[in-house]
Amino acid sequence: TADGAVLRTTVKTSTEAQWRVGRELRRRLTEALERAGIAAQLTAAR
């Protein structure tokens, strides 16, 4: 996109757990980017 690359992460899960798993995975990916300093680079690039 105009803002750069978009990476996709996927997980196959049971139907009743899909929303719980999705929320937890989003949280962990966000925290990982923050710890690695990538989130700060995204902010500085704008």
All heavy atoms as atom14 arrays in JSON, in Angstrom:
{
  "sequence": "TADGAVLRTTVKTSTEAQWRVGRELRRRLTEALERAGIAAQLTAAR",
  "atom14_mask": [
    [1, 1, 1, 1, 1, 1, 1, 0, 0, 0, 0, 0, 0, 0],
    [1, 1, 1, 1, 1, 0, 0, 0, 0, 0, 0, 0, 0, 0],
    [1, 1, 1, 1, 1, 1, 1, 1, 0, 0, 0, 0, 0, 0],
    [1, 1, 1, 1, 0, 0, 0, 0, 0, 0, 0, 0, 0, 0],
    [1, 1, 1, 1, 1, 0, 0, 0, 0, 0, 0, 0, 0, 0],
    [1, 1, 1, 1, 1, 1, 1, 0, 0, 0, 0, 0, 0, 0],
    [1, 1, 1, 1, 1, 1, 1, 1, 0, 0, 0, 0, 0, 0],
    [1, 1, 1, 1, 1, 1, 1, 1, 1, 1, 1, 0, 0, 0],
    [1, 1, 1, 1, 1, 1, 1, 0, 0, 0, 0, 0, 0, 0],
    [1, 1, 1, 1, 1, 1, 1, 0, 0, 0, 0, 0, 0, 0],
    [1, 1, 1, 1, 1, 1, 1, 0, 0, 0, 0, 0, 0, 0],
    [1, 1, 1, 1, 1, 1, 1, 1, 1, 0, 0, 0, 0, 0],
    [1, 1, 1, 1, 1, 1, 1, 0, 0, 0, 0, 0, 0, 0],
    [1, 1, 1, 1, 1, 1, 0, 0, 0, 0, 0, 0, 0, 0],
    [1, 1, 1, 1, 1, 1, 1, 0, 0, 0, 0, 0, 0, 0],
    [1, 1, 1, 1, 1, 1, 1, 1, 1, 0, 0, 0, 0, 0],
    [1, 1, 1, 1, 1, 0, 0, 0, 0, 0, 0, 0, 0, 0],
    [1, 1, 1, 1, 1, 1, 1, 1, 1, 0, 0, 0, 0, 0],
    [1, 1, 1, 1, 1, 1, 1, 1, 1, 1, 1, 1, 1, 1],
    [1, 1, 1, 1, 1, 1, 1, 1, 1, 1, 1, 0, 0, 0],
    [1, 1, 1, 1, 1, 1, 1, 0, 0, 0, 0, 0, 0, 0],
    [1, 1, 1, 1, 0, 0, 0, 0, 0, 0, 0, 0, 0, 0],
    [1, 1, 1, 1, 1, 1, 1, 1, 1, 1, 1, 0, 0, 0],
    [1, 1, 1, 1, 1, 1, 1, 1, 1, 0, 0, 0, 0, 0],
    [1, 1, 1, 1, 1, 1, 1, 1, 0, 0, 0, 0, 0, 0],
    [1, 1, 1, 1, 1, 1, 1, 1, 1, 1, 1, 0, 0, 0],
    [1, 1, 1, 1, 1, 1, 1, 1, 1, 1, 1, 0, 0, 0],
    [1, 1, 1, 1, 1, 1, 1, 1, 1, 1, 1, 0, 0, 0],
    [1, 1, 1, 1, 1, 1, 1, 1, 0, 0, 0, 0, 0, 0],
    [1, 1, 1, 1, 1, 1, 1, 0, 0, 0, 0, 0, 0, 0],
    [1, 1, 1, 1, 1, 1, 1, 1, 1, 0, 0, 0, 0, 0],
    [1, 1, 1, 1, 1, 0, 0, 0, 0, 0, 0, 0, 0, 0],
    [1, 1, 1, 1, 1, 1, 1, 1, 0, 0, 0, 0, 0, 0],
    [1, 1, 1, 1, 1, 1, 1, 1, 1, 0, 0, 0, 0, 0],
    [1, 1, 1, 1, 1, 1, 1, 1, 1, 1, 1, 0, 0, 0],
    [1, 1, 1, 1, 1, 0, 0, 0, 0, 0, 0, 0, 0, 0],
    [1, 1, 1, 1, 0, 0, 0, 0, 0, 0, 0, 0, 0, 0],
    [1, 1, 1, 1, 1, 1, 1, 1, 0, 0, 0, 0, 0, 0],
    [1, 1, 1, 1, 1, 0, 0, 0, 0, 0, 0, 0, 0, 0],
    [1, 1, 1, 1, 1, 0, 0, 0, 0, 0, 0, 0, 0, 0],
    [1, 1, 1, 1, 1, 1, 1, 1, 1, 0, 0, 0, 0, 0],
    [1, 1, 1, 1, 1, 1, 1, 1, 0, 0, 0, 0, 0, 0],
    [1, 1, 1, 1, 1, 1, 1, 0, 0, 0, 0, 0, 0, 0],
    [1, 1, 1, 1, 1, 0, 0, 0, 0, 0, 0, 0, 0, 0],
    [1, 1, 1, 1, 1, 0, 0, 0, 0, 0, 0, 0, 0, 0],
    [1, 1, 1, 1, 1, 1, 1, 1, 1, 1, 1, 0, 0, 0]
  ],
  "atom14_positions": [
    [[0.85, -1.19, 0.0], [0.0, 0.0, 0.0], [0.88, 1.24, 0.0], [2.12, 1.15, 0.0], [-0.92, 0.01, 1.23], [-0.12, 0.17, 2.42], [-1.71, -1.29, 1.35], [0.0, 0.0, 0.0], [0.0, 0.0, 0.0], [0.0, 0.0, 0.0], [0.0, 0.0, 0.0], [0.0, 0.0, 0.0], [0.0, 0.0, 0.0], [0.0, 0.0, 0.0]],
    [[0.25, 2.41, 0.02], [1.0, 3.65, 0.07], [1.77, 3.79, 1.37], [2.76, 4.53, 1.45], [0.04, 4.83, -0.1], [0.0, 0.0, 0.0], [0.0, 0.0, 0.0], [0.0, 0.0, 0.0], [0.0, 0.0, 0.0], [0.0, 0.0, 0.0], [0.0, 0.0, 0.0], [0.0, 0.0, 0.0], [0.0, 0.0, 0.0], [0.0, 0.0, 0.0]],
    [[1.33, 3.08, 2.41], [2.0, 3.12, 3.71], [3.04, 2.03, 3.87], [3.65, 1.9, 4.93], [0.98, 3.01, 4.84], [0.07, 4.23, 4.91], [0.56, 5.33, 4.57], [-1.11, 4.09, 5.27], [0.0, 0.0, 0.0], [0.0, 0.0, 0.0], [0.0, 0.0, 0.0], [0.0, 0.0, 0.0], [0.0, 0.0, 0.0], [0.0, 0.0, 0.0]],
    [[3.22, 1.18, 2.86], [4.23, 0.14, 2.94], [3.64, -1.25, 2.8], [2.54, -1.44, 2.28], [0.0, 0.0, 0.0], [0.0, 0.0, 0.0], [0.0, 0.0, 0.0], [0.0, 0.0, 0.0], [0.0, 0.0, 0.0], [0.0, 0.0, 0.0], [0.0, 0.0, 0.0], [0.0, 0.0, 0.0], [0.0, 0.0, 0.0], [0.0, 0.0, 0.0]],
    [[4.39, -2.23, 3.31], [4.0, -3.63, 3.17], [3.03, -4.04, 4.27], [3.0, -3.47, 5.36], [5.24, -4.52, 3.22], [0.0, 0.0, 0.0], [0.0, 0.0, 0.0], [0.0, 0.0, 0.0], [0.0, 0.0, 0.0], [0.0, 0.0, 0.0], [0.0, 0.0, 0.0], [0.0, 0.0, 0.0], [0.0, 0.0, 0.0], [0.0, 0.0, 0.0]],
    [[2.21, -5.05, 3.95], [1.27, -5.63, 4.91], [1.55, -7.12, 4.96], [1.5, -7.81, 3.95], [-0.19, -5.37, 4.48], [-1.16, -6.06, 5.45], [-0.48, -3.88, 4.44], [0.0, 0.0, 0.0], [0.0, 0.0, 0.0], [0.0, 0.0, 0.0], [0.0, 0.0, 0.0], [0.0, 0.0, 0.0], [0.0, 0.0, 0.0], [0.0, 0.0, 0.0]],
    [[1.87, -7.62, 6.17], [2.17, -9.03, 6.37], [0.95, -9.75, 6.9], [0.23, -9.21, 7.75], [3.34, -9.2, 7.34], [4.67, -8.53, 6.95], [5.73, -8.83, 7.98], [5.11, -8.98, 5.57], [0.0, 0.0, 0.0], [0.0, 0.0, 0.0], [0.0, 0.0, 0.0], [0.0, 0.0, 0.0], [0.0, 0.0, 0.0], [0.0, 0.0, 0.0]],
    [[0.73, -10.96, 6.43], [-0.44, -11.75, 6.87], [0.0, -12.91, 7.75], [0.92, -13.65, 7.42], [-1.22, -12.28, 5.67], [-2.27, -13.33, 6.04], [-3.3, -13.51, 4.95], [-4.15, -12.33, 4.82], [-5.21, -12.27, 4.01], [-5.54, -13.31, 3.26], [-5.94, -11.15, 3.94], [0.0, 0.0, 0.0], [0.0, 0.0, 0.0], [0.0, 0.0, 0.0]],
    [[-0.7, -13.04, 8.88], [-0.54, -14.18, 9.78], [-1.87, -14.91, 9.84], [-2.93, -14.27, 9.95], [-0.14, -13.72, 11.19], [1.06, -12.96, 11.11], [0.06, -14.9, 12.11], [0.0, 0.0, 0.0], [0.0, 0.0, 0.0], [0.0, 0.0, 0.0], [0.0, 0.0, 0.0], [0.0, 0.0, 0.0], [0.0, 0.0, 0.0], [0.0, 0.0, 0.0]],
    [[-1.84, -16.23, 9.76], [-3.08, -17.01, 9.71], [-3.0, -18.15, 10.71], [-1.91, -18.65, 11.03], [-3.32, -17.56, 8.3], [-4.55, -18.28, 8.26], [-2.2, -18.48, 7.86], [0.0, 0.0, 0.0], [0.0, 0.0, 0.0], [0.0, 0.0, 0.0], [0.0, 0.0, 0.0], [0.0, 0.0, 0.0], [0.0, 0.0, 0.0], [0.0, 0.0, 0.0]],
    [[-4.16, -18.56, 11.21], [-4.25, -19.68, 12.13], [-5.59, -20.38, 11.91], [-6.62, -19.74, 11.73], [-4.11, -19.22, 13.6], [-5.14, -18.16, 13.96], [-4.21, -20.4, 14.56], [0.0, 0.0, 0.0], [0.0, 0.0, 0.0], [0.0, 0.0, 0.0], [0.0, 0.0, 0.0], [0.0, 0.0, 0.0], [0.0, 0.0, 0.0], [0.0, 0.0, 0.0]],
    [[-5.57, -21.7, 11.86], [-6.77, -22.51, 11.69], [-7.2, -23.0, 13.06], [-6.42, -23.62, 13.78], [-6.48, -23.7, 10.77], [-7.71, -24.49, 10.36], [-7.34, -25.57, 9.35], [-8.56, -26.36, 8.9], [-8.2, -27.41, 7.92], [0.0, 0.0, 0.0], [0.0, 0.0, 0.0], [0.0, 0.0, 0.0], [0.0, 0.0, 0.0], [0.0, 0.0, 0.0]],
    [[-8.45, -22.71, 13.41], [-8.92, -22.99, 14.75], [-10.35, -23.5, 14.72], [-11.01, -23.5, 13.68], [-8.83, -21.71, 15.61], [-9.3, -21.99, 16.93], [-9.68, -20.61, 15.01], [0.0, 0.0, 0.0], [0.0, 0.0, 0.0], [0.0, 0.0, 0.0], [0.0, 0.0, 0.0], [0.0, 0.0, 0.0], [0.0, 0.0, 0.0], [0.0, 0.0, 0.0]],
    [[-10.84, -23.93, 15.87], [-12.24, -24.36, 15.97], [-13.15, -23.15, 15.9], [-12.75, -22.02, 16.23], [-12.47, -25.12, 17.28], [-12.12, -24.31, 18.4], [0.0, 0.0, 0.0], [0.0, 0.0, 0.0], [0.0, 0.0, 0.0], [0.0, 0.0, 0.0], [0.0, 0.0, 0.0], [0.0, 0.0, 0.0], [0.0, 0.0, 0.0], [0.0, 0.0, 0.0]],
    [[-14.38, -23.36, 15.47], [-15.29, -22.25, 15.26], [-15.6, -21.48, 16.53], [-15.68, -20.25, 16.53], [-16.6, -22.75, 14.63], [-17.16, -23.78, 15.47], [-16.37, -23.3, 13.25], [0.0, 0.0, 0.0], [0.0, 0.0, 0.0], [0.0, 0.0, 0.0], [0.0, 0.0, 0.0], [0.0, 0.0, 0.0], [0.0, 0.0, 0.0], [0.0, 0.0, 0.0]],
    [[-15.76, -22.2, 17.64], [-16.14, -21.52, 18.87], [-14.97, -20.73, 19.47], [-15.18, -19.84, 20.31], [-16.67, -22.51, 19.91], [-15.65, -23.56, 20.38], [-15.63, -24.78, 19.5], [-16.24, -24.74, 18.41], [-15.0, -25.78, 19.9], [0.0, 0.0, 0.0], [0.0, 0.0, 0.0], [0.0, 0.0, 0.0], [0.0, 0.0, 0.0], [0.0, 0.0, 0.0]],
    [[-13.73, -21.02, 19.05], [-12.57, -20.34, 19.61], [-12.0, -19.28, 18.69], [-11.01, -18.62, 19.04], [-11.48, -21.35, 19.94], [0.0, 0.0, 0.0], [0.0, 0.0, 0.0], [0.0, 0.0, 0.0], [0.0, 0.0, 0.0], [0.0, 0.0, 0.0], [0.0, 0.0, 0.0], [0.0, 0.0, 0.0], [0.0, 0.0, 0.0], [0.0, 0.0, 0.0]],
    [[-12.58, -19.08, 17.51], [-11.96, -18.21, 16.52], [-11.83, -16.77, 16.99], [-10.81, -16.11, 16.73], [-12.75, -18.27, 15.21], [-14.21, -17.88, 15.33], [-14.95, -17.98, 14.0], [-14.52, -17.43, 12.99], [-16.05, -18.72, 13.98], [0.0, 0.0, 0.0], [0.0, 0.0, 0.0], [0.0, 0.0, 0.0], [0.0, 0.0, 0.0], [0.0, 0.0, 0.0]],
    [[-12.83, -16.25, 17.71], [-12.75, -14.86, 18.16], [-11.77, -14.71, 19.31], [-11.01, -13.74, 19.36], [-14.14, -14.37, 18.56], [-15.07, -14.35, 17.4], [-15.15, -13.39, 16.42], [-16.03, -15.35, 17.04], [-16.1, -13.73, 15.49], [-16.66, -14.93, 15.84], [-16.43, -16.56, 17.62], [-17.67, -15.67, 15.23], [-17.42, -17.3, 17.01], [-18.03, -16.86, 15.82]],
    [[-11.75, -15.66, 20.23], [-10.8, -15.6, 21.34], [-9.36, -15.73, 20.85], [-8.48, -14.97, 21.27], [-11.12, -16.74, 22.32], [-10.17, -16.82, 23.51], [-10.61, -17.84, 24.53], [-10.54, -19.21, 24.02], [-11.58, -19.94, 23.67], [-12.81, -19.44, 23.76], [-11.43, -21.19, 23.24], [0.0, 0.0, 0.0], [0.0, 0.0, 0.0], [0.0, 0.0, 0.0]],
    [[-9.12, -16.66, 19.94], [-7.78, -16.85, 19.39], [-7.35, -15.64, 18.59], [-6.21, -15.19, 18.66], [-7.74, -18.13, 18.53], [-6.45, -18.2, 17.73], [-7.89, -19.36, 19.41], [0.0, 0.0, 0.0], [0.0, 0.0, 0.0], [0.0, 0.0, 0.0], [0.0, 0.0, 0.0], [0.0, 0.0, 0.0], [0.0, 0.0, 0.0], [0.0, 0.0, 0.0]],
    [[-8.26, -15.07, 17.8], [-7.93, -13.9, 16.98], [-7.54, -12.71, 17.83], [-6.55, -12.01, 17.53], [0.0, 0.0, 0.0], [0.0, 0.0, 0.0], [0.0, 0.0, 0.0], [0.0, 0.0, 0.0], [0.0, 0.0, 0.0], [0.0, 0.0, 0.0], [0.0, 0.0, 0.0], [0.0, 0.0, 0.0], [0.0, 0.0, 0.0], [0.0, 0.0, 0.0]],
    [[-8.28, -12.44, 18.9], [-7.94, -11.3, 19.76], [-6.59, -11.49, 20.44], [-5.79, -10.56, 20.53], [-9.05, -11.1, 20.8], [-10.32, -10.49, 20.25], [-11.26, -10.11, 21.37], [-11.79, -11.29, 22.05], [-12.94, -11.88, 21.73], [-13.67, -11.4, 20.75], [-13.36, -12.94, 22.4], [0.0, 0.0, 0.0], [0.0, 0.0, 0.0], [0.0, 0.0, 0.0]],
    [[-6.33, -12.71, 20.93], [-5.07, -12.96, 21.61], [-3.88, -12.88, 20.65], [-2.82, -12.34, 20.99], [-5.1, -14.34, 22.27], [-3.84, -14.71, 23.02], [-3.55, -13.83, 24.21], [-4.47, -13.12, 24.66], [-2.4, -13.84, 24.69], [0.0, 0.0, 0.0], [0.0, 0.0, 0.0], [0.0, 0.0, 0.0], [0.0, 0.0, 0.0], [0.0, 0.0, 0.0]],
    [[-4.06, -13.39, 19.44], [-2.97, -13.34, 18.46], [-2.68, -11.9, 18.06], [-1.5, -11.52, 17.92], [-3.34, -14.18, 17.23], [-2.27, -14.26, 16.13], [-0.95, -14.78, 16.68], [-2.76, -15.14, 14.98], [0.0, 0.0, 0.0], [0.0, 0.0, 0.0], [0.0, 0.0, 0.0], [0.0, 0.0, 0.0], [0.0, 0.0, 0.0], [0.0, 0.0, 0.0]],
    [[-3.71, -11.09, 17.89], [-3.48, -9.67, 17.56], [-2.7, -8.97, 18.68], [-1.8, -8.17, 18.42], [-4.82, -8.96, 17.34], [-5.54, -9.39, 16.08], [-6.8, -8.57, 15.86], [-7.57, -9.07, 14.74], [-8.57, -9.94, 14.84], [-8.92, -10.39, 16.04], [-9.21, -10.36, 13.78], [0.0, 0.0, 0.0], [0.0, 0.0, 0.0], [0.0, 0.0, 0.0]],
    [[-3.06, -9.28, 19.92], [-2.36, -8.66, 21.04], [-0.88, -9.04, 21.05], [-0.01, -8.2, 21.23], [-3.02, -9.07, 22.36], [-2.42, -8.42, 23.6], [-3.05, -8.95, 24.86], [-2.67, -10.33, 25.12], [-1.51, -10.69, 25.69], [-0.65, -9.76, 26.06], [-1.23, -11.96, 25.89], [0.0, 0.0, 0.0], [0.0, 0.0, 0.0], [0.0, 0.0, 0.0]],
    [[-0.6, -10.31, 20.84], [0.78, -10.77, 20.9], [1.61, -10.23, 19.74], [2.79, -9.89, 19.92], [0.82, -12.3, 20.91], [0.15, -12.9, 22.14], [0.56, -14.31, 22.36], [-0.11, -14.89, 23.53], [0.34, -15.94, 24.2], [1.46, -16.52, 23.81], [-0.32, -16.42, 25.24], [0.0, 0.0, 0.0], [0.0, 0.0, 0.0], [0.0, 0.0, 0.0]],
    [[1.03, -10.14, 18.57], [1.76, -9.58, 17.44], [2.06, -8.11, 17.66], [3.15, -7.62, 17.33], [0.97, -9.78, 16.15], [0.74, -11.22, 15.68], [-0.08, -11.25, 14.4], [2.05, -11.96, 15.5], [0.0, 0.0, 0.0], [0.0, 0.0, 0.0], [0.0, 0.0, 0.0], [0.0, 0.0, 0.0], [0.0, 0.0, 0.0], [0.0, 0.0, 0.0]],
    [[1.08, -7.38, 18.21], [1.29, -5.96, 18.49], [2.4, -5.76, 19.51], [3.27, -4.89, 19.34], [-0.01, -5.34, 19.0], [-1.05, -5.52, 18.04], [0.17, -3.85, 19.26], [0.0, 0.0, 0.0], [0.0, 0.0, 0.0], [0.0, 0.0, 0.0], [0.0, 0.0, 0.0], [0.0, 0.0, 0.0], [0.0, 0.0, 0.0], [0.0, 0.0, 0.0]],
    [[2.39, -6.55, 20.57], [3.43, -6.42, 21.6], [4.8, -6.8, 21.05], [5.81, -6.19, 21.42], [3.08, -7.3, 22.79], [1.87, -6.8, 23.58], [1.56, -7.7, 24.76], [2.16, -8.78, 24.86], [0.7, -7.3, 25.59], [0.0, 0.0, 0.0], [0.0, 0.0, 0.0], [0.0, 0.0, 0.0], [0.0, 0.0, 0.0], [0.0, 0.0, 0.0]],
    [[4.85, -7.8, 20.16], [6.13, -8.2, 19.57], [6.72, -7.08, 18.72], [7.93, -6.8, 18.78], [5.95, -9.47, 18.74], [0.0, 0.0, 0.0], [0.0, 0.0, 0.0], [0.0, 0.0, 0.0], [0.0, 0.0, 0.0], [0.0, 0.0, 0.0], [0.0, 0.0, 0.0], [0.0, 0.0, 0.0], [0.0, 0.0, 0.0], [0.0, 0.0, 0.0]],
    [[5.89, -6.41, 17.92], [6.37, -5.29, 17.11], [6.82, -4.13, 17.99], [7.79, -3.43, 17.67], [5.26, -4.84, 16.16], [4.86, -5.82, 15.05], [3.68, -5.28, 14.26], [6.04, -6.11, 14.12], [0.0, 0.0, 0.0], [0.0, 0.0, 0.0], [0.0, 0.0, 0.0], [0.0, 0.0, 0.0], [0.0, 0.0, 0.0], [0.0, 0.0, 0.0]],
    [[6.13, -3.93, 19.11], [6.5, -2.86, 20.02], [7.86, -3.15, 20.67], [8.72, -2.26, 20.76], [5.42, -2.7, 21.09], [5.68, -1.57, 22.08], [5.56, -0.21, 21.44], [4.83, -0.08, 20.45], [6.2, 0.73, 21.96], [0.0, 0.0, 0.0], [0.0, 0.0, 0.0], [0.0, 0.0, 0.0], [0.0, 0.0, 0.0], [0.0, 0.0, 0.0]],
    [[8.06, -4.39, 21.13], [9.33, -4.73, 21.78], [10.5, -4.66, 20.8], [11.61, -4.29, 21.17], [9.25, -6.14, 22.37], [8.36, -6.24, 23.6], [8.6, -7.57, 24.3], [8.33, -8.7, 23.41], [7.17, -9.32, 23.32], [6.13, -8.9, 24.05], [7.01, -10.34, 22.51], [0.0, 0.0, 0.0], [0.0, 0.0, 0.0], [0.0, 0.0, 0.0]],
    [[10.25, -5.01, 19.54], [11.32, -4.99, 18.54], [11.63, -3.6, 18.03], [12.58, -3.41, 17.26], [10.97, -5.91, 17.37], [0.0, 0.0, 0.0], [0.0, 0.0, 0.0], [0.0, 0.0, 0.0], [0.0, 0.0, 0.0], [0.0, 0.0, 0.0], [0.0, 0.0, 0.0], [0.0, 0.0, 0.0], [0.0, 0.0, 0.0], [0.0, 0.0, 0.0]],
    [[10.83, -2.6, 18.42], [11.06, -1.23, 17.97], [10.48, -0.92, 16.61], [10.66, 0.19, 16.1], [0.0, 0.0, 0.0], [0.0, 0.0, 0.0], [0.0, 0.0, 0.0], [0.0, 0.0, 0.0], [0.0, 0.0, 0.0], [0.0, 0.0, 0.0], [0.0, 0.0, 0.0], [0.0, 0.0, 0.0], [0.0, 0.0, 0.0], [0.0, 0.0, 0.0]],
    [[9.79, -1.86, 16.0], [9.23, -1.64, 14.66], [8.06, -0.67, 14.74], [7.86, 0.15, 13.84], [8.81, -2.98, 14.03], [10.05, -3.85, 13.81], [8.08, -2.76, 12.71], [9.76, -5.21, 13.24], [0.0, 0.0, 0.0], [0.0, 0.0, 0.0], [0.0, 0.0, 0.0], [0.0, 0.0, 0.0], [0.0, 0.0, 0.0], [0.0, 0.0, 0.0]],
    [[7.27, -0.74, 15.8], [6.14, 0.18, 15.95], [6.62, 1.62, 16.01], [6.02, 2.53, 15.43], [5.34, -0.17, 17.2], [0.0, 0.0, 0.0], [0.0, 0.0, 0.0], [0.0, 0.0, 0.0], [0.0, 0.0, 0.0], [0.0, 0.0, 0.0], [0.0, 0.0, 0.0], [0.0, 0.0, 0.0], [0.0, 0.0, 0.0], [0.0, 0.0, 0.0]],
    [[7.76, 1.85, 16.69], [8.31, 3.21, 16.77], [8.79, 3.68, 15.4], [8.65, 4.85, 15.05], [9.45, 3.24, 17.78], [0.0, 0.0, 0.0], [0.0, 0.0, 0.0], [0.0, 0.0, 0.0], [0.0, 0.0, 0.0], [0.0, 0.0, 0.0], [0.0, 0.0, 0.0], [0.0, 0.0, 0.0], [0.0, 0.0, 0.0], [0.0, 0.0, 0.0]],
    [[9.35, 2.77, 14.62], [9.79, 3.14, 13.28], [8.61, 3.51, 12.39], [8.7, 4.41, 11.56], [10.57, 1.97, 12.65], [11.86, 1.62, 13.36], [12.57, 0.46, 12.71], [12.71, 0.42, 11.48], [13.04, -0.49, 13.5], [0.0, 0.0, 0.0], [0.0, 0.0, 0.0], [0.0, 0.0, 0.0], [0.0, 0.0, 0.0], [0.0, 0.0, 0.0]],
    [[7.49, 2.81, 12.58], [6.29, 3.14, 11.79], [5.81, 4.53, 12.13], [5.42, 5.31, 11.25], [5.19, 2.12, 12.07], [5.41, 0.7, 11.54], [4.3, -0.21, 12.01], [5.47, 0.72, 10.03], [0.0, 0.0, 0.0], [0.0, 0.0, 0.0], [0.0, 0.0, 0.0], [0.0, 0.0, 0.0], [0.0, 0.0, 0.0], [0.0, 0.0, 0.0]],
    [[5.82, 4.88, 13.42], [5.36, 6.21, 13.84], [6.28, 7.3, 13.3], [5.83, 8.34, 12.83], [5.29, 6.29, 15.37], [4.44, 5.24, 15.85], [4.74, 7.62, 15.82], [0.0, 0.0, 0.0], [0.0, 0.0, 0.0], [0.0, 0.0, 0.0], [0.0, 0.0, 0.0], [0.0, 0.0, 0.0], [0.0, 0.0, 0.0], [0.0, 0.0, 0.0]],
    [[7.59, 7.03, 13.36], [8.54, 8.03, 12.89], [8.49, 8.21, 11.39], [8.84, 9.27, 10.86], [9.95, 7.63, 13.32], [0.0, 0.0, 0.0], [0.0, 0.0, 0.0], [0.0, 0.0, 0.0], [0.0, 0.0, 0.0], [0.0, 0.0, 0.0], [0.0, 0.0, 0.0], [0.0, 0.0, 0.0], [0.0, 0.0, 0.0], [0.0, 0.0, 0.0]],
    [[8.07, 7.17, 10.67], [8.05, 7.24, 9.21], [6.9, 8.07, 8.68], [6.9, 8.49, 7.53], [7.97, 5.83, 8.62], [0.0, 0.0, 0.0], [0.0, 0.0, 0.0], [0.0, 0.0, 0.0], [0.0, 0.0, 0.0], [0.0, 0.0, 0.0], [0.0, 0.0, 0.0], [0.0, 0.0, 0.0], [0.0, 0.0, 0.0], [0.0, 0.0, 0.0]],
    [[5.89, 8.33, 9.54], [4.74, 9.11, 9.09], [5.05, 10.59, 9.28], [5.41, 11.03, 10.36], [3.49, 8.72, 9.86], [2.93, 7.37, 9.44], [1.62, 7.1, 10.15], [0.94, 5.96, 9.56], [1.13, 4.72, 9.91], [2.02, 4.44, 10.83], [0.46, 3.74, 9.33], [0.0, 0.0, 0.0], [0.0, 0.0, 0.0], [0.0, 0.0, 0.0]]
  ]
}
